[in-house]
Protein backbone atom coordinates (compact mmCIF):
# COMPACT_ATOMS: atom_id res chain seq x y z
CA MET A 1 0.00 0.00 0.00
CA GLY A 2 1.41 3.37 -1.02
CA PHE A 3 1.46 6.56 0.96
CA ASN A 4 -1.57 8.06 -0.80
CA GLU A 5 -3.65 4.95 -0.23
CA ASP A 6 -2.77 5.04 3.45
CA LEU A 7 -3.65 8.72 3.56
CA GLU A 8 -7.02 8.13 1.90
CA GLU A 9 -7.82 5.49 4.52
CA GLU A 10 -6.77 7.82 7.33
CA LEU A 11 -8.80 10.72 5.93
CA LYS A 12 -11.95 8.63 6.35
CA ASP A 13 -11.48 9.23 10.08
CA PRO A 14 -12.99 12.71 10.66
CA GLU A 15 -10.63 13.43 13.55
CA PHE A 16 -7.59 12.63 11.42
CA ALA A 17 -9.02 14.56 8.46
CA ALA A 18 -9.43 17.65 10.64
CA TYR A 19 -5.89 17.27 12.01
CA TYR A 20 -4.48 16.82 8.51
CA ALA A 21 -6.34 19.84 7.10
CA ASN A 22 -5.12 21.93 10.03
CA ALA A 23 -1.52 20.75 9.62
CA GLU A 24 -1.66 21.55 5.91
CA ALA A 25 -2.99 25.06 6.57
CA GLU A 26 -0.32 25.52 9.24
CA SER A 27 2.53 24.62 6.86
CA LYS A 28 1.11 26.96 4.20
CA ARG A 29 1.17 29.77 6.76
CA GLU A 30 4.79 28.88 7.60
CA LEU A 31 5.77 29.05 3.93
CA LEU A 32 3.88 32.30 3.56
CA ARG A 33 5.72 33.77 6.54
CA CYS A 34 9.04 32.70 5.07
CA GLY A 35 8.07 34.26 1.74
CA VAL A 36 8.30 30.94 -0.10
CA ILE A 37 4.80 31.37 -1.47
CA THR A 38 3.35 34.81 -2.00
CA GLU A 39 -0.35 34.13 -1.73
CA LEU A 40 -2.56 31.71 0.10
CA ASP A 41 -5.28 30.22 -2.05
CA GLU A 42 -8.33 29.65 0.09
CA THR A 43 -9.99 26.32 -0.61
């Protein structure tokens, strides 16, 4: 089983999905702060 398949399984758990979404948003903010990306696309 590859990483993405594992991730898809995990994302079926609402608690994990929320954690993952939050972690992803958090890393985007980090990159934004460092100036790596210039704009945050809201999804």
